[in-house]
């Protein structure tokens, strides 16, 4: 799975939010700052080349739909992130956020409860 640029990730977030649509639909839900129409259209074409979306010609425009599920992408992204920055250790990841006070004790308790429920 080819890594996405920040611009491509933002476009994919809009595509996942809409589901199936045309560039204008994705532009309406794109996070600010919204790119120009032509920039988003070009980004979506790149996503199509990478296999993340599939386009179908409808009259004078293209309708696109995601070919990669958001959850699958998140899982792949996070696995790579943890591997590249935290020596493949989720413990190091959580420790990093705890040490930098990015995560509260209440959040940690909730996480522990979720882990216990999964057992």
Protein backbone atom coordinates (compact mmCIF):
# COMPACT_ATOMS: atom_id res chain seq x y z
CA UNK A 1 0.00 0.00 0.00
CA UNK A 2 1.59 3.24 -1.17
CA UNK A 3 1.93 5.97 1.46
CA UNK A 4 -0.23 9.05 0.96
CA UNK A 5 0.87 12.67 1.11
CA UNK A 6 -0.86 14.98 3.58
CA UNK A 7 -2.85 16.49 0.68
CA UNK A 8 -3.93 13.02 -0.44
CA UNK A 9 -4.92 12.05 3.10
CA UNK A 10 -7.10 15.15 3.40
CA UNK A 11 -8.74 14.30 0.09
CA UNK A 12 -9.33 10.71 1.22
CA UNK A 13 -10.95 11.95 4.43
CA UNK A 14 -13.41 13.93 2.33
CA UNK A 15 -14.01 10.95 0.03
CA UNK A 16 -14.63 8.63 2.99
CA UNK A 17 -17.04 11.16 4.45
CA UNK A 18 -19.06 11.42 1.22
CA UNK A 19 -18.69 7.83 0.05
CA UNK A 20 -19.38 8.15 -3.66
CA UNK A 21 -19.43 11.46 -5.45
CA UNK A 22 -17.90 13.98 -7.79
CA UNK A 23 -15.05 16.38 -7.03
CA UNK A 24 -17.50 19.14 -6.08
CA UNK A 25 -19.07 16.87 -3.42
CA UNK A 26 -15.67 16.17 -1.88
CA UNK A 27 -14.71 19.84 -1.99
CA UNK A 28 -17.80 20.75 0.06
CA UNK A 29 -16.73 18.55 2.99
CA UNK A 30 -12.94 19.01 2.65
CA UNK A 31 -11.28 20.36 5.78
CA UNK A 32 -10.17 23.98 5.70
CA UNK A 33 -8.31 25.39 4.00
CA UNK A 34 -10.09 24.02 0.97
CA UNK A 35 -7.87 23.53 -2.06
CA UNK A 36 -8.83 24.92 -5.46
CA UNK A 37 -11.14 22.63 -7.44
CA UNK A 38 -8.43 21.78 -9.97
CA UNK A 39 -5.94 20.88 -7.23
CA UNK A 40 -8.42 18.53 -5.57
CA UNK A 41 -9.31 16.98 -8.95
CA UNK A 42 -5.62 16.37 -9.64
CA UNK A 43 -5.12 14.88 -6.17
CA UNK A 44 -8.05 12.53 -6.71
CA UNK A 45 -6.57 11.44 -10.05
CA UNK A 46 -3.33 10.61 -8.20
CA UNK A 47 -5.35 8.63 -5.65
CA UNK A 48 -6.93 6.73 -8.51
CA UNK A 49 -3.48 5.87 -9.92
CA UNK A 50 -2.45 4.62 -6.48
CA UNK A 51 -5.58 2.45 -6.25
CA UNK A 52 -7.26 4.30 -3.39
CA UNK A 53 -10.28 5.42 -5.44
CA UNK A 54 -12.01 4.29 -8.59
CA UNK A 55 -13.46 6.76 -11.08
CA UNK A 56 -16.31 6.21 -13.49
CA UNK A 57 -17.12 8.64 -16.29
CA UNK A 58 -20.64 10.07 -16.06
CA UNK A 59 -21.32 12.49 -18.89
CA UNK A 60 -18.77 15.30 -18.66
CA UNK A 61 -17.55 14.41 -15.17
CA UNK A 62 -16.20 11.53 -13.13
CA UNK A 63 -17.82 9.92 -10.13
CA UNK A 64 -15.39 8.46 -7.60
CA UNK A 65 -15.70 5.95 -4.81
CA UNK A 66 -13.17 4.77 -2.24
CA UNK A 67 -11.47 1.45 -2.90
CA UNK A 68 -9.72 1.36 0.48
CA UNK A 69 -11.75 1.41 3.69
CA UNK A 70 -10.92 4.12 6.19
CA UNK A 71 -10.43 1.64 9.05
CA UNK A 72 -7.99 -0.42 6.97
CA UNK A 73 -5.98 2.69 6.08
CA UNK A 74 -5.87 3.83 9.72
CA UNK A 75 -4.66 0.41 10.81
CA UNK A 76 -1.91 0.37 8.16
CA UNK A 77 -0.91 3.96 8.89
CA UNK A 78 -0.75 3.46 12.66
CA UNK A 79 1.20 0.21 12.35
CA UNK A 80 3.78 1.96 10.17
CA UNK A 81 3.85 5.00 12.45
CA UNK A 82 4.45 2.91 15.58
CA UNK A 83 7.07 0.84 13.77
CA UNK A 84 8.93 3.86 12.38
CA UNK A 85 8.81 6.15 15.43
CA UNK A 86 8.33 3.90 18.47
CA UNK A 87 10.35 0.76 17.67
CA UNK A 88 7.11 -1.14 17.02
CA UNK A 89 6.05 -0.64 20.65
CA UNK A 90 2.59 0.66 21.49
CA UNK A 91 3.80 0.89 25.08
CA UNK A 92 6.40 3.45 23.96
CA UNK A 93 3.69 5.33 22.05
CA UNK A 94 1.43 5.59 25.10
CA UNK A 95 4.39 6.44 27.33
CA UNK A 96 5.35 9.26 24.96
CA UNK A 97 1.87 10.80 25.19
CA UNK A 98 1.71 10.30 28.96
CA UNK A 99 5.11 11.96 29.48
CA UNK A 100 4.11 14.92 27.32
CA UNK A 101 0.76 15.21 29.11
CA UNK A 102 -1.11 14.63 25.87
CA UNK A 103 -3.21 11.92 27.51
CA UNK A 104 -4.98 12.21 30.83
CA UNK A 105 -5.14 9.63 33.62
CA UNK A 106 -8.88 9.30 32.91
CA UNK A 107 -8.11 8.55 29.25
CA UNK A 108 -5.60 5.91 30.33
CA UNK A 109 -8.20 4.33 32.63
CA UNK A 110 -10.67 4.19 29.73
CA UNK A 111 -8.04 2.59 27.50
CA UNK A 112 -7.28 -0.02 30.16
CA UNK A 113 -10.99 -0.78 30.51
CA UNK A 114 -11.26 -1.25 26.73
CA UNK A 115 -8.29 -3.62 26.76
CA UNK A 116 -9.78 -5.63 29.66
CA UNK A 117 -13.13 -5.88 27.85
CA UNK A 118 -11.39 -7.32 24.76
CA UNK A 119 -9.81 -10.17 26.77
